[in-house]
Amino acid sequence: MSETSTLNNSGDYLVEVNNLTKWFPVQKSIIDQVFTKERDYVRAVDGVSFKIRRGGVLGLAGESGSGKTTIGRVTIGLEKKTKGEVFFDGINLSELSEEELRKMRRRMQVIFQDPLASLNPRMSLGSAIVQGLKIHYPELKEQHRDMVLEMMERVGLTPARFYINKFPQQISGGQRQRVVIARALITKPDLILADEPIAMADVSVRALLLDLMIQLKKEFNLTYIFITHDLATAKYICDDIAILYLGKIAEIGNLKEVYSLPLHPYTQALMAAVPVPDPHKRRTQSMPAGEIPNPIHPPSGCRFHPRCPFAKDICSQEEPILRELLPEHQVACHIAENFMK
């Protein structure tokens, strides 16, 4: 049964994702291919649905391997879906031709996790930022340099004329992240996929980058898909939050509602793991035992039940559906009502 999220039945949604699934085929040896007819798949994303309000920020949070990045990449068309539907501004992306999707990409851009890996070391900063303009706005060729300089100033690379001819290895990590942000914004997009955008930055500049992203969101009326494993960071920037576990949504809703009353045991464990700036406060809730299961052969029933301290017999037998227990707050857990008391 597919999961369905309706954070709010009213409102203007820029993105709508319905029953999104992405399975990656597993490469087998020649011997295995001869003796095994069935193919195995890594079930990276397995029936995920959500909506994002225009101008809002949806956080995708969870452990490594939970499917966060894959969901983001499939949503904006960098990966092809196995099944499901993605609507962007009311347009079904799967119905677009390659040329139509290419034109649509100027409205959907990415801020990658590792700026040093995503920037060409042989390309100057100005050349890296201008590429989007060359592809999508070739008719504005005479204005490209001025547009790049203006964008560099707006992301804090000042004076822009000092940085425009420098190379990635000549600037700091925080400055490289600003270059990646400028490159994403240069086409004036509507949707930004921010894939752990501050994970590679020094702790001292992370708050500055988050402030910059919030400021630019207001200036350009941006909508964010914000991928993170850090719930403290998500609290700073997100409006809604989706907690992912092994390719499925465990809990989704308004961030304040989810943080004030987490209803899924996995969400509770993640919240308990957030450091508190008090040396006298000790963690009272134990962390889930074991590691995230194999996505090729996920557990039956609830995928979290092998690690859940509250698991019942039904948890291993029936897969829970995502249901709304509180306004703008949904959870996929058989025993979630027990945590509402």
C-alpha atoms as a PDB file:
ATOM      1  CA  MET A   1       0.000   0.000   0.000  1.00  0.00           C
ATOM      2  CA  SER A   2       1.386   3.385  -0.963  1.00  0.00           C
ATOM      3  CA  GLU A   3       1.982   6.105   1.568  1.00  0.00           C
ATOM      4  CA  THR A   4       0.116   9.366   1.192  1.00  0.00           C
ATOM      5  CA  SER A   5       1.011  12.658   2.820  1.00  0.00           C
ATOM      6  CA  THR A   6      -1.410  15.558   2.841  1.00  0.00           C
ATOM      7  CA  LEU A   7       0.210  18.089   5.142  1.00  0.00           C
ATOM      8  CA  ASN A   8      -2.554  20.494   4.353  1.00  0.00           C
ATOM      9  CA  ASN A   9      -5.501  20.032   2.041  1.00  0.00           C
ATOM     10  CA  SER A  10      -5.397  23.712   1.091  1.00  0.00           C
ATOM     11  CA  GLY A  11      -2.587  25.898  -0.120  1.00  0.00           C
ATOM     12  CA  ASP A  12      -0.378  26.345  -3.142  1.00  0.00           C
ATOM     13  CA  TYR A  13       1.945  23.388  -3.652  1.00  0.00           C
ATOM     14  CA  LEU A  14       4.943  23.681  -5.947  1.00  0.00           C
ATOM     15  CA  VAL A  15       5.895  19.982  -5.674  1.00  0.00           C
ATOM     16  CA  GLU A  16       3.648  16.927  -5.317  1.00  0.00           C
ATOM     17  CA  VAL A  17       5.157  13.446  -5.125  1.00  0.00           C
ATOM     18  CA  ASN A  18       2.869  10.408  -5.265  1.00  0.00           C
ATOM     19  CA  ASN A  19       3.979   6.844  -4.462  1.00  0.00           C
ATOM     20  CA  LEU A  20       7.546   7.528  -5.612  1.00  0.00           C
ATOM     21  CA  THR A  21       9.628   4.370  -5.971  1.00  0.00           C
ATOM     22  CA  LYS A  22      13.242   3.918  -7.026  1.00  0.00           C
ATOM     23  CA  TRP A  23      14.864   0.487  -7.127  1.00  0.00           C
ATOM     24  CA  PHE A  24      18.441  -0.029  -8.298  1.00  0.00           C
ATOM     25  CA  PRO A  25      19.248  -3.428  -9.877  1.00  0.00           C
ATOM     26  CA  VAL A  26      22.024  -5.375  -8.121  1.00  0.00           C
ATOM     27  CA  GLN A  27      24.925  -6.475 -10.303  1.00  0.00           C
ATOM     28  CA  LYS A  28      25.497 -10.241 -10.046  1.00  0.00           C
ATOM     29  CA  SER A  29      28.369 -12.470 -11.074  1.00  0.00           C
ATOM     30  CA  ILE A  30      28.037 -14.605 -14.215  1.00  0.00           C
ATOM     31  CA  ILE A  31      27.557 -17.753 -12.103  1.00  0.00           C
ATOM     32  CA  ASP A  32      24.774 -16.145 -10.073  1.00  0.00           C
ATOM     33  CA  GLN A  33      23.098 -14.968 -13.264  1.00  0.00           C
ATOM     34  CA  VAL A  34      23.117 -18.511 -14.657  1.00  0.00           C
ATOM     35  CA  PHE A  35      21.672 -20.193 -11.579  1.00  0.00           C
ATOM     36  CA  THR A  36      19.405 -17.354 -10.365  1.00  0.00           C
ATOM     37  CA  LYS A  37      16.724 -16.080 -12.711  1.00  0.00           C
ATOM     38  CA  GLU A  38      15.269 -13.471 -10.376  1.00  0.00           C
ATOM     39  CA  ARG A  39      16.956 -10.103 -10.117  1.00  0.00           C
ATOM     40  CA  ASP A  40      17.667  -8.408  -6.817  1.00  0.00           C
ATOM     41  CA  TYR A  41      17.097  -4.712  -6.267  1.00  0.00           C
ATOM     42  CA  VAL A  42      18.242  -2.144  -3.759  1.00  0.00           C
ATOM     43  CA  ARG A  43      14.965  -0.598  -2.639  1.00  0.00           C
ATOM     44  CA  ALA A  44      16.333   2.882  -2.109  1.00  0.00           C
ATOM     45  CA  VAL A  45      12.903   4.559  -2.204  1.00  0.00           C
ATOM     46  CA  ASP A  46       9.783   2.454  -1.771  1.00  0.00           C
ATOM     47  CA  GLY A  47       6.456   4.260  -2.090  1.00  0.00           C
ATOM     48  CA  VAL A  48       6.996   7.797  -0.779  1.00  0.00           C
ATOM     49  CA  SER A  49       4.487  10.647  -1.081  1.00  0.00           C
ATOM     50  CA  PHE A  50       4.660  14.270   0.047  1.00  0.00           C
ATOM     51  CA  LYS A  51       3.820  17.825  -0.939  1.00  0.00           C
ATOM     52  CA  ILE A  52       5.854  21.024  -0.644  1.00  0.00           C
ATOM     53  CA  ARG A  53       4.209  24.408  -0.330  1.00  0.00           C
ATOM     54  CA  ARG A  54       5.409  27.138  -2.641  1.00  0.00           C
ATOM     55  CA  GLY A  55       8.004  29.106  -0.704  1.00  0.00           C
ATOM     56  CA  GLY A  56       8.277  26.413   1.973  1.00  0.00           C
ATOM     57  CA  VAL A  57      11.095  24.178   3.175  1.00  0.00           C
ATOM     58  CA  LEU A  58      10.633  20.421   3.493  1.00  0.00           C
ATOM     59  CA  GLY A  59      13.375  18.634   5.402  1.00  0.00           C
ATOM     60  CA  LEU A  60      14.244  15.014   4.589  1.00  0.00           C
ATOM     61  CA  ALA A  61      15.986  13.523   7.622  1.00  0.00           C
ATOM     62  CA  GLY A  62      17.277  10.090   8.553  1.00  0.00           C
ATOM     63  CA  GLU A  63      20.340   7.896   8.791  1.00  0.00           C
ATOM     64  CA  SER A  64      22.701   7.272   5.889  1.00  0.00           C
ATOM     65  CA  GLY A  65      21.016   4.803   3.555  1.00  0.00           C
ATOM     66  CA  SER A  66      17.484   5.951   4.353  1.00  0.00           C
ATOM     67  CA  GLY A  67      16.902   7.249   0.801  1.00  0.00           C
ATOM     68  CA  LYS A  68      17.086  11.016   1.374  1.00  0.00           C
ATOM     69  CA  THR A  69      19.365  11.915  -1.524  1.00  0.00           C
ATOM     70  CA  THR A  70      17.715   9.476  -3.915  1.00  0.00           C
ATOM     71  CA  ILE A  71      14.302  11.021  -3.225  1.00  0.00           C
ATOM     72  CA  GLY A  72      15.702  14.470  -3.931  1.00  0.00           C
ATOM     73  CA  ARG A  73      17.458  13.432  -7.141  1.00  0.00           C
ATOM     74  CA  VAL A  74      14.425  11.592  -8.497  1.00  0.00           C
ATOM     75  CA  THR A  75      12.126  14.489  -7.583  1.00  0.00           C
ATOM     76  CA  ILE A  76      14.066  16.958  -9.737  1.00  0.00           C
ATOM     77  CA  GLY A  77      14.748  14.451 -12.524  1.00  0.00           C
ATOM     78  CA  LEU A  78      18.445  13.687 -11.983  1.00  0.00           C
ATOM     79  CA  GLU A  79      17.479  10.019 -11.522  1.00  0.00           C
ATOM     80  CA  LYS A  80      14.693   8.204 -13.337  1.00  0.00           C
ATOM     81  CA  LYS A  81      11.934   6.835 -11.148  1.00  0.00           C
ATOM     82  CA  THR A  82      10.943   3.179 -11.092  1.00  0.00           C
ATOM     83  CA  LYS A  83       7.305   4.148 -10.619  1.00  0.00           C
ATOM     84  CA  GLY A  84       5.168   6.899  -9.139  1.00  0.00           C
ATOM     85  CA  GLU A  85       4.494  10.485 -10.162  1.00  0.00           C
ATOM     86  CA  VAL A  86       6.242  13.806  -9.599  1.00  0.00           C
ATOM     87  CA  PHE A  87       4.358  17.033 -10.295  1.00  0.00           C
ATOM     88  CA  PHE A  88       6.267  20.301 -10.454  1.00  0.00           C
ATOM     89  CA  ASP A  89       4.088  23.413 -10.556  1.00  0.00           C
ATOM     90  CA  GLY A  90       1.216  21.187 -11.747  1.00  0.00           C
ATOM     91  CA  ILE A  91       3.278  19.573 -14.518  1.00  0.00           C
ATOM     92  CA  ASN A  92       3.828  15.803 -14.539  1.00  0.00           C
ATOM     93  CA  LEU A  93       7.578  15.536 -15.164  1.00  0.00           C
ATOM     94  CA  SER A  94       7.324  11.967 -16.500  1.00  0.00           C
ATOM     95  CA  GLU A  95       5.201  13.211 -19.403  1.00  0.00           C
ATOM     96  CA  LEU A  96       7.845  15.675 -20.586  1.00  0.00           C
ATOM     97  CA  SER A  97      10.216  14.960 -23.451  1.00  0.00           C
ATOM     98  CA  GLU A  98      13.972  15.140 -22.893  1.00  0.00           C
ATOM     99  CA  GLU A  99      14.062  18.602 -24.447  1.00  0.00           C
ATOM    100  CA  GLU A 100      11.134  19.849 -22.355  1.00  0.00           C
ATOM    101  CA  LEU A 101      12.719  18.458 -19.183  1.00  0.00           C
ATOM    102  CA  ARG A 102      16.020  20.125 -20.082  1.00  0.00           C
ATOM    103  CA  LYS A 103      14.267  23.484 -20.327  1.00  0.00           C
ATOM    104  CA  MET A 104      12.500  22.819 -17.035  1.00  0.00           C
ATOM    105  CA  ARG A 105      15.831  22.242 -15.260  1.00  0.00           C
ATOM    106  CA  ARG A 106      16.520  25.966 -15.016  1.00  0.00           C
ATOM    107  CA  ARG A 107      13.657  26.076 -12.496  1.00  0.00           C
ATOM    108  CA  MET A 108      15.106  23.210 -10.417  1.00  0.00           C
ATOM    109  CA  GLN A 109      18.702  23.464  -9.210  1.00  0.00           C
ATOM    110  CA  VAL A 110      20.979  21.629  -6.749  1.00  0.00           C
ATOM    111  CA  ILE A 111      23.325  22.652  -3.963  1.00  0.00           C
ATOM    112  CA  PHE A 112      25.635  19.670  -3.605  1.00  0.00           C
ATOM    113  CA  GLN A 113      27.090  18.399  -0.340  1.00  0.00           C
ATOM    114  CA  ASP A 114      30.779  18.562  -1.290  1.00  0.00           C
ATOM    115  CA  PRO A 115      31.601  21.797  -3.150  1.00  0.00           C
ATOM    116  CA  LEU A 116      35.177  20.747  -3.886  1.00  0.00           C
ATOM    117  CA  ALA A 117      33.976  17.585  -5.638  1.00  0.00           C
ATOM    118  CA  SER A 118      31.211  19.374  -7.544  1.00  0.00           C
ATOM    119  CA  LEU A 119      33.440  22.192  -8.853  1.00  0.00           C
ATOM    120  CA  ASN A 120      35.881  21.632 -11.716  1.00  0.00           C
ATOM    121  CA  PRO A 121      39.387  22.445 -10.357  1.00  0.00           C
ATOM    122  CA  ARG A 122      40.431  23.653 -13.834  1.00  0.00           C
ATOM    123  CA  MET A 123      37.512  26.036 -14.173  1.00  0.00           C
ATOM    124  CA  SER A 124      37.512  29.506 -12.611  1.00  0.00           C
ATOM    125  CA  LEU A 125      34.718  30.427 -10.227  1.00  0.00           C
ATOM    126  CA  GLY A 126      33.155  32.763 -12.749  1.00  0.00           C
ATOM    127  CA  SER A 127      33.230  30.080 -15.454  1.00  0.00           C
ATOM    128  CA  ALA A 128      31.575  27.581 -13.090  1.00  0.00           C
ATOM    129  CA  ILE A 129      28.747  29.966 -12.193  1.00  0.00           C
ATOM    130  CA  VAL A 130      28.078  31.157 -15.744  1.00  0.00           C
ATOM    131  CA  GLN A 131      27.455  27.657 -17.166  1.00  0.00           C
ATOM    132  CA  GLY A 132      23.753  27.734 -16.314  1.00  0.00           C
ATOM    133  CA  LEU A 133      23.347  31.039 -18.135  1.00  0.00           C
ATOM    134  CA  LYS A 134      25.114  29.696 -21.222  1.00  0.00           C
ATOM    135  CA  ILE A 135      22.771  26.714 -21.341  1.00  0.00           C
ATOM    136  CA  HIS A 136      19.454  28.353 -20.509  1.00  0.00           C
ATOM    137  CA  TYR A 137      19.933  32.027 -21.436  1.00  0.00           C
ATOM    138  CA  PRO A 138      22.338  32.146 -24.418  1.00  0.00           C
ATOM    139  CA  GLU A 139      20.470  35.174 -25.782  1.00  0.00           C
ATOM    140  CA  LEU A 140      21.741  37.192 -22.796  1.00  0.00           C
ATOM    141  CA  LYS A 141      25.403  36.515 -23.571  1.00  0.00           C
ATOM    142  CA  GLU A 142      26.406  40.169 -23.348  1.00  0.00           C
ATOM    143  CA  GLN A 143      24.998  40.381 -19.808  1.00  0.00           C
ATOM    144  CA  HIS A 144      26.414  37.108 -18.457  1.00  0.00           C
ATOM    145  CA  ARG A 145      29.475  38.581 -16.749  1.00  0.00           C
ATOM    146  CA  ASP A 146      27.481  41.303 -14.992  1.00  0.00           C
ATOM    147  CA  MET A 147      24.890  38.738 -13.867  1.00  0.00           C
ATOM    148  CA  VAL A 148      27.618  36.512 -12.431  1.00  0.00           C
ATOM    149  CA  LEU A 149      29.250  39.411 -10.592  1.00  0.00           C
ATOM    150  CA  GLU A 150      25.904  40.468  -9.129  1.00  0.00           C
ATOM    151  CA  MET A 151      25.129  36.927  -7.932  1.00  0.00           C
ATOM    152  CA  MET A 152      28.578  36.555  -6.353  1.00  0.00           C
ATOM    153  CA  GLU A 153      27.987  39.749  -4.413  1.00  0.00           C
ATOM    154  CA  ARG A 154      24.586  38.537  -3.224  1.00  0.00           C
ATOM    155  CA  VAL A 155      26.021  35.305  -1.795  1.00  0.00           C
ATOM    156  CA  GLY A 156      28.791  37.148   0.029  1.00  0.00           C
ATOM    157  CA  LEU A 157      31.742  36.682  -2.343  1.00  0.00           C
ATOM    158  CA  THR A 158      32.863  40.284  -2.136  1.00  0.00           C
ATOM    159  CA  PRO A 159      34.439  42.002  -3.876  1.00  0.00           C
ATOM    160  CA  ALA A 160      33.208  39.798  -6.743  1.00  0.00           C
ATOM    161  CA  ARG A 161      35.861  41.026  -9.194  1.00  0.00           C
ATOM    162  CA  PHE A 162      38.520  39.686  -6.821  1.00  0.00           C
ATOM    163  CA  TYR A 163      37.023  36.172  -6.811  1.00  0.00           C
ATOM    164  CA  ILE A 164      35.657  35.758 -10.328  1.00  0.00           C
ATOM    165  CA  ASN A 165      38.953  34.561 -11.845  1.00  0.00           C
ATOM    166  CA  LYS A 166      40.106  32.469  -8.888  1.00  0.00           C
ATOM    167  CA  PHE A 167      39.957  28.656  -8.807  1.00  0.00           C
ATOM    168  CA  PRO A 168      38.238  26.417  -6.217  1.00  0.00           C
ATOM    169  CA  GLN A 169      41.506  25.357  -4.578  1.00  0.00           C
ATOM    170  CA  GLN A 170      42.417  29.012  -3.983  1.00  0.00           C
ATOM    171  CA  ILE A 171      39.506  29.774  -1.644  1.00  0.00           C
ATOM    172  CA  SER A 172      38.190  28.407   1.647  1.00  0.00           C
ATOM    173  CA  GLY A 173      35.567  25.705   2.122  1.00  0.00           C
ATOM    174  CA  GLY A 174      32.910  28.191   3.177  1.00  0.00           C
ATOM    175  CA  GLN A 175      33.617  30.333   0.122  1.00  0.00           C
ATOM    176  CA  ARG A 176      33.400  27.279  -2.136  1.00  0.00           C
ATOM    177  CA  GLN A 177      29.961  26.534  -0.708  1.00  0.00           C
ATOM    178  CA  ARG A 178      28.918  30.100  -1.539  1.00  0.00           C
ATOM    179  CA  VAL A 179      30.081  29.502  -5.122  1.00  0.00           C
ATOM    180  CA  VAL A 180      27.889  26.381  -5.338  1.00  0.00           C
ATOM    181  CA  ILE A 181      24.949  28.380  -3.982  1.00  0.00           C
ATOM    182  CA  ALA A 182      25.579  31.132  -6.553  1.00  0.00           C
ATOM    183  CA  ARG A 183      25.768  28.558  -9.339  1.00  0.00           C
ATOM    184  CA  ALA A 184      22.411  27.096  -8.247  1.00  0.00           C
ATOM    185  CA  LEU A 185      20.711  30.508  -8.113  1.00  0.00           C
ATOM    186  CA  ILE A 186      22.090  31.989 -11.316  1.00  0.00           C
ATOM    187  CA  THR A 187      19.194  30.655 -13.425  1.00  0.00           C
ATOM    188  CA  LYS A 188      16.631  32.158 -10.992  1.00  0.00           C
ATOM    189  CA  PRO A 189      15.083  28.762 -10.063  1.00  0.00           C
ATOM    190  CA  ASP A 190      11.893  28.104  -8.122  1.00  0.00           C
ATOM    191  CA  LEU A 191      13.057  24.901  -6.387  1.00  0.00           C
ATOM    192  CA  ILE A 192      16.408  24.201  -4.752  1.00  0.00           C
ATOM    193  CA  LEU A 193      17.506  20.709  -3.716  1.00  0.00           C
ATOM    194  CA  ALA A 194      19.971  21.330  -0.869  1.00  0.00           C
ATOM    195  CA  ASP A 195      21.759  18.029  -0.255  1.00  0.00           C
ATOM    196  CA  GLU A 196      23.373  18.453   3.181  1.00  0.00           C
ATOM    197  CA  PRO A 197      24.651  21.861   2.039  1.00  0.00           C
ATOM    198  CA  ILE A 198      26.623  22.664   5.194  1.00  0.00           C
ATOM    199  CA  ALA A 199      27.959  19.200   6.036  1.00  0.00           C
ATOM    200  CA  MET A 200      31.414  19.896   4.561  1.00  0.00           C
ATOM    201  CA  ALA A 201      31.725  23.407   5.999  1.00  0.00           C
ATOM    202  CA  ASP A 202      33.580  24.314   9.174  1.00  0.00           C
ATOM    203  CA  VAL A 203      31.410  24.500  12.256  1.00  0.00           C
ATOM    204  CA  SER A 204      32.246  28.185  12.593  1.00  0.00           C
ATOM    205  CA  VAL A 205      30.625  29.073   9.242  1.00  0.00           C
ATOM    206  CA  ARG A 206      27.637  26.686   9.210  1.00  0.00           C
ATOM    207  CA  ALA A 207      25.310  29.176  10.904  1.00  0.00           C
ATOM    208  CA  LEU A 208      26.414  31.869   8.448  1.00  0.00           C
ATOM    209  CA  LEU A 209      25.585  29.619   5.482  1.00  0.00           C
ATOM    210  CA  LEU A 210      22.187  28.739   6.932  1.00  0.00           C
ATOM    211  CA  ASP A 211      21.443  32.420   7.486  1.00  0.00           C
ATOM    212  CA  LEU A 212      22.484  33.088   3.891  1.00  0.00           C
ATOM    213  CA  MET A 213      20.150  30.360   2.590  1.00  0.00           C
ATOM    214  CA  ILE A 214      17.245  31.773   4.605  1.00  0.00           C
ATOM    215  CA  GLN A 215      17.973  35.290   3.355  1.00  0.00           C
ATOM    216  CA  LEU A 216      18.199  34.143  -0.285  1.00  0.00           C
ATOM    217  CA  LYS A 217      14.987  32.153   0.099  1.00  0.00           C
ATOM    218  CA  LYS A 218      13.167  35.360   0.989  1.00  0.00           C
ATOM    219  CA  GLU A 219      14.847  37.416  -1.745  1.00  0.00           C
ATOM    220  CA  PHE A 220      14.187  34.923  -4.558  1.00  0.00           C
ATOM    221  CA  ASN A 221      10.974  33.352  -3.183  1.00  0.00           C
ATOM    222  CA  LEU A 222      12.639  29.932  -3.222  1.00  0.00           C
ATOM    223  CA  THR A 223      11.272  26.545  -2.238  1.00  0.00           C
ATOM    224  CA  TYR A 224      13.756  24.126  -0.633  1.00  0.00           C
ATOM    225  CA  ILE A 225      14.086  20.389  -0.296  1.00  0.00           C
ATOM    226  CA  PHE A 226      16.585  20.326   2.553  1.00  0.00           C
ATOM    227  CA  ILE A 227      18.358  16.994   3.061  1.00  0.00           C
ATOM    228  CA  THR A 228      20.081  16.474   6.390  1.00  0.00           C
ATOM    229  CA  HIS A 229      20.944  13.895   9.034  1.00  0.00           C
ATOM    230  CA  ASP A 230      21.112  16.619  11.676  1.00  0.00           C
ATOM    231  CA  LEU A 231      17.758  17.391  13.291  1.00  0.00           C
ATOM    232  CA  ALA A 232      19.199  20.448  15.022  1.00  0.00           C
ATOM    233  CA  THR A 233      20.011  21.944  11.611  1.00  0.00           C
ATOM    234  CA  ALA A 234      16.583  21.056  10.255  1.00  0.00           C
ATOM    235  CA  LYS A 235      14.970  22.912  13.155  1.00  0.00           C
ATOM    236  CA  TYR A 236      16.763  26.083  12.080  1.00  0.00           C
ATOM    237  CA  ILE A 237      15.492  26.222   8.491  1.00  0.00           C
ATOM    238  CA  CYS A 238      12.631  23.766   7.802  1.00  0.00           C
ATOM    239  CA  ASP A 239       8.877  24.348   7.890  1.00  0.00           C
ATOM    240  CA  ASP A 240       7.932  20.667   7.516  1.00  0.00           C
ATOM    241  CA  ILE A 241       9.963  17.531   8.211  1.00  0.00           C
ATOM    242  CA  ALA A 242       9.830  13.995   6.838  1.00  0.00           C
ATOM    243  CA  ILE A 243      11.648  11.322   8.855  1.00  0.00           C
ATOM    244  CA  LEU A 244      12.853   8.548   6.541  1.00  0.00           C
ATOM    245  CA  TYR A 245      13.823   4.994   7.388  1.00  0.00           C
ATOM    246  CA  LEU A 246      14.964   2.432   4.817  1.00  0.00           C
ATOM    247  CA  GLY A 247      13.263   4.094   1.866  1.00  0.00           C
ATOM    248  CA  LYS A 248       9.952   4.884   3.570  1.00  0.00           C
ATOM    249  CA  ILE A 249       8.488   7.812   5.486  1.00  0.00           C
ATOM    250  CA  ALA A 250       8.199   6.982   9.181  1.00  0.00           C
ATOM    251  CA  GLU A 251       6.770  10.346  10.208  1.00  0.00           C
ATOM    252  CA  ILE A 252       5.939  13.600   8.438  1.00  0.00           C
ATOM    253  CA  GLY A 253       4.359  16.874   9.375  1.00  0.00           C
ATOM    254  CA  ASN A 254       4.830  20.412  10.554  1.00  0.00           C
ATOM    255  CA  LEU A 255       8.283  20.645  12.110  1.00  0.00           C
ATOM    256  CA  LYS A 256       7.103  22.180  15.382  1.00  0.00           C
ATOM    257  CA  GLU A 257       4.444  19.506  15.770  1.00  0.00           C
ATOM    258  CA  VAL A 258       6.829  16.625  15.058  1.00  0.00           C
ATOM    259  CA  TYR A 259       9.543  18.009  17.322  1.00  0.00           C
ATOM    260  CA  SER A 260       7.181  18.726  20.221  1.00  0.00           C
ATOM    261  CA  LEU A 261       5.500  15.302  20.073  1.00  0.00           C
ATOM    262  CA  PRO A 262       7.394  12.675  18.038  1.00  0.00           C
ATOM    263  CA  LEU A 263       5.070   9.702  17.563  1.00  0.00           C
ATOM    264  CA  HIS A 264       7.375   7.195  15.863  1.00  0.00           C
ATOM    265  CA  PRO A 265      10.000   5.361  17.971  1.00  0.00           C
ATOM    266  CA  TYR A 266      12.607   6.083  15.291  1.00  0.00           C
ATOM    267  CA  THR A 267      11.880   9.811  15.421  1.00  0.00           C
ATOM    268  CA  GLN A 268      12.104   9.670  19.205  1.00  0.00           C
ATOM    269  CA  ALA A 269      15.516   8.011  18.962  1.00  0.00           C
ATOM    270  CA  LEU A 270      16.784  10.650  16.534  1.00  0.00           C
ATOM    271  CA  MET A 271      15.518  13.427  18.776  1.00  0.00           C
ATOM    272  CA  ALA A 272      17.195  11.855  21.810  1.00  0.00           C
ATOM    273  CA  ALA A 273      20.506  11.761  19.910  1.00  0.00           C
ATOM    274  CA  VAL A 274      20.569  15.550  19.366  1.00  0.00           C
ATOM    275  CA  PRO A 275      23.295  16.987  21.644  1.00  0.00           C
ATOM    276  CA  VAL A 276      22.147  19.312  24.409  1.00  0.00           C
ATOM    277  CA  PRO A 277      24.503  22.135  25.533  1.00  0.00           C
ATOM    278  CA  ASP A 278      24.320  21.075  29.182  1.00  0.00           C
ATOM    279  CA  PRO A 279      27.153  18.949  30.626  1.00  0.00           C
ATOM    280  CA  HIS A 280      24.945  17.836  33.508  1.00  0.00           C
ATOM    281  CA  LYS A 281      22.151  16.484  31.323  1.00  0.00           C
ATOM    282  CA  ARG A 282      22.469  12.801  30.516  1.00  0.00           C
ATOM    283  CA  ARG A 283      20.655  10.906  27.797  1.00  0.00           C
ATOM    284  CA  THR A 284      17.969   8.713  29.348  1.00  0.00           C
ATOM    285  CA  GLN A 285      16.614   7.027  26.211  1.00  0.00           C
ATOM    286  CA  SER A 286      18.719   4.191  24.824  1.00  0.00           C
ATOM    287  CA  MET A 287      19.643   4.255  21.159  1.00  0.00           C
ATOM    288  CA  PRO A 288      18.195   1.591  18.799  1.00  0.00           C
ATOM    289  CA  ALA A 289      20.254  -1.588  18.754  1.00  0.00           C
ATOM    290  CA  GLY A 290      21.940  -2.784  15.571  1.00  0.00           C
ATOM    291  CA  GLU A 291      22.238  -1.065  12.219  1.00  0.00           C
ATOM    292  CA  ILE A 292      19.896  -0.153   9.387  1.00  0.00           C
ATOM    293  CA  PRO A 293      18.823  -3.429   7.637  1.00  0.00           C
ATOM    294  CA  ASN A 294      19.751  -4.559   4.150  1.00  0.00           C
ATOM    295  CA  PRO A 295      17.711  -2.547   1.604  1.00  0.00           C
ATOM    296  CA  ILE A 296      17.830  -5.502  -0.816  1.00  0.00           C
ATOM    297  CA  HIS A 297      15.834  -7.700   1.555  1.00  0.00           C
ATOM    298  CA  PRO A 298      14.071  -5.325   3.986  1.00  0.00           C
ATOM    299  CA  PRO A 299      12.294  -6.756   7.049  1.00  0.00           C
ATOM    300  CA  SER A 300       8.651  -7.732   6.797  1.00  0.00           C
ATOM    301  CA  GLY A 301       6.014  -5.530   8.400  1.00  0.00           C
ATOM    302  CA  CYS A 302       7.392  -2.323   9.844  1.00  0.00           C
ATOM    303  CA  ARG A 303      10.960  -1.916   8.625  1.00  0.00           C
ATOM    304  CA  PHE A 304      12.042  -0.501  11.964  1.00  0.00           C
ATOM    305  CA  HIS A 305      10.659  -3.351  14.100  1.00  0.00           C
ATOM    306  CA  PRO A 306      13.969  -5.329  14.433  1.00  0.00           C
ATOM    307  CA  ARG A 307      15.475  -2.295  16.213  1.00  0.00           C
ATOM    308  CA  CYS A 308      12.361  -0.942  17.920  1.00  0.00           C
ATOM    309  CA  PRO A 309      12.256  -1.310  21.742  1.00  0.00           C
ATOM    310  CA  PHE A 310       8.432  -1.133  21.667  1.00  0.00           C
ATOM    311  CA  ALA A 311       7.778  -3.638  18.856  1.00  0.00           C
ATOM    312  CA  LYS A 312       4.701  -5.900  19.082  1.00  0.00           C
ATOM    313  CA  ASP A 313       3.823  -9.030  17.097  1.00  0.00           C
ATOM    314  CA  ILE A 314       1.811  -6.986  14.605  1.00  0.00           C
ATOM    315  CA  CYS A 315       4.878  -4.879  13.818  1.00  0.00           C
ATOM    316  CA  SER A 316       6.638  -7.820  12.152  1.00  0.00           C
ATOM    317  CA  GLN A 317       3.517  -9.014  10.348  1.00  0.00           C
ATOM    318  CA  GLU A 318       1.777  -5.942   8.898  1.00  0.00           C
ATOM    319  CA  GLU A 319       3.301  -2.923   7.231  1.00  0.00           C
ATOM    320  CA  PRO A 320       1.943   0.238   8.882  1.00  0.00           C
ATOM    321  CA  ILE A 321       0.350   2.856   6.676  1.00  0.00           C
ATOM    322  CA  LEU A 322       1.014   6.563   7.019  1.00  0.00           C
ATOM    323  CA  ARG A 323      -1.971   7.991   8.908  1.00  0.00           C
ATOM    324  CA  GLU A 324      -2.824  11.390  10.307  1.00  0.00           C
ATOM    325  CA  LEU A 325      -3.147  11.275  14.093  1.00  0.00           C
ATOM    326  CA  LEU A 326      -2.827  15.015  14.672  1.00  0.00           C
ATOM    327  CA  PRO A 327      -3.426  17.985  12.367  1.00  0.00           C
ATOM    328  CA  GLU A 328      -0.545  18.250   9.877  1.00  0.00           C
ATOM    329  CA  HIS A 329       1.161  15.286  11.546  1.00  0.00           C
ATOM    330  CA  GLN A 330       1.257  11.768  10.101  1.00  0.00           C
ATOM    331  CA  VAL A 331       3.028   8.638  11.297  1.00  0.00           C
ATOM    332  CA  ALA A 332       3.504   5.071  10.059  1.00  0.00           C
ATOM    333  CA  CYS A 333       3.419   3.129  13.330  1.00  0.00           C
ATOM    334  CA  HIS A 334       0.961   0.563  14.731  1.00  0.00           C
ATOM    335  CA  ILE A 335       1.400   1.756  18.317  1.00  0.00           C
ATOM    336  CA  ALA A 336       1.766   5.503  17.803  1.00  0.00           C
ATOM    337  CA  GLU A 337      -1.324   6.202  19.940  1.00  0.00           C
ATOM    338  CA  ASN A 338       0.591   4.969  22.972  1.00  0.00           C
ATOM    339  CA  PHE A 339       2.931   7.973  22.674  1.00  0.00           C
ATOM    340  CA  MET A 340       0.111  10.524  22.579  1.00  0.00           C
ATOM    341  CA  LYS A 341      -0.784   9.997  26.243  1.00  0.00           C
END
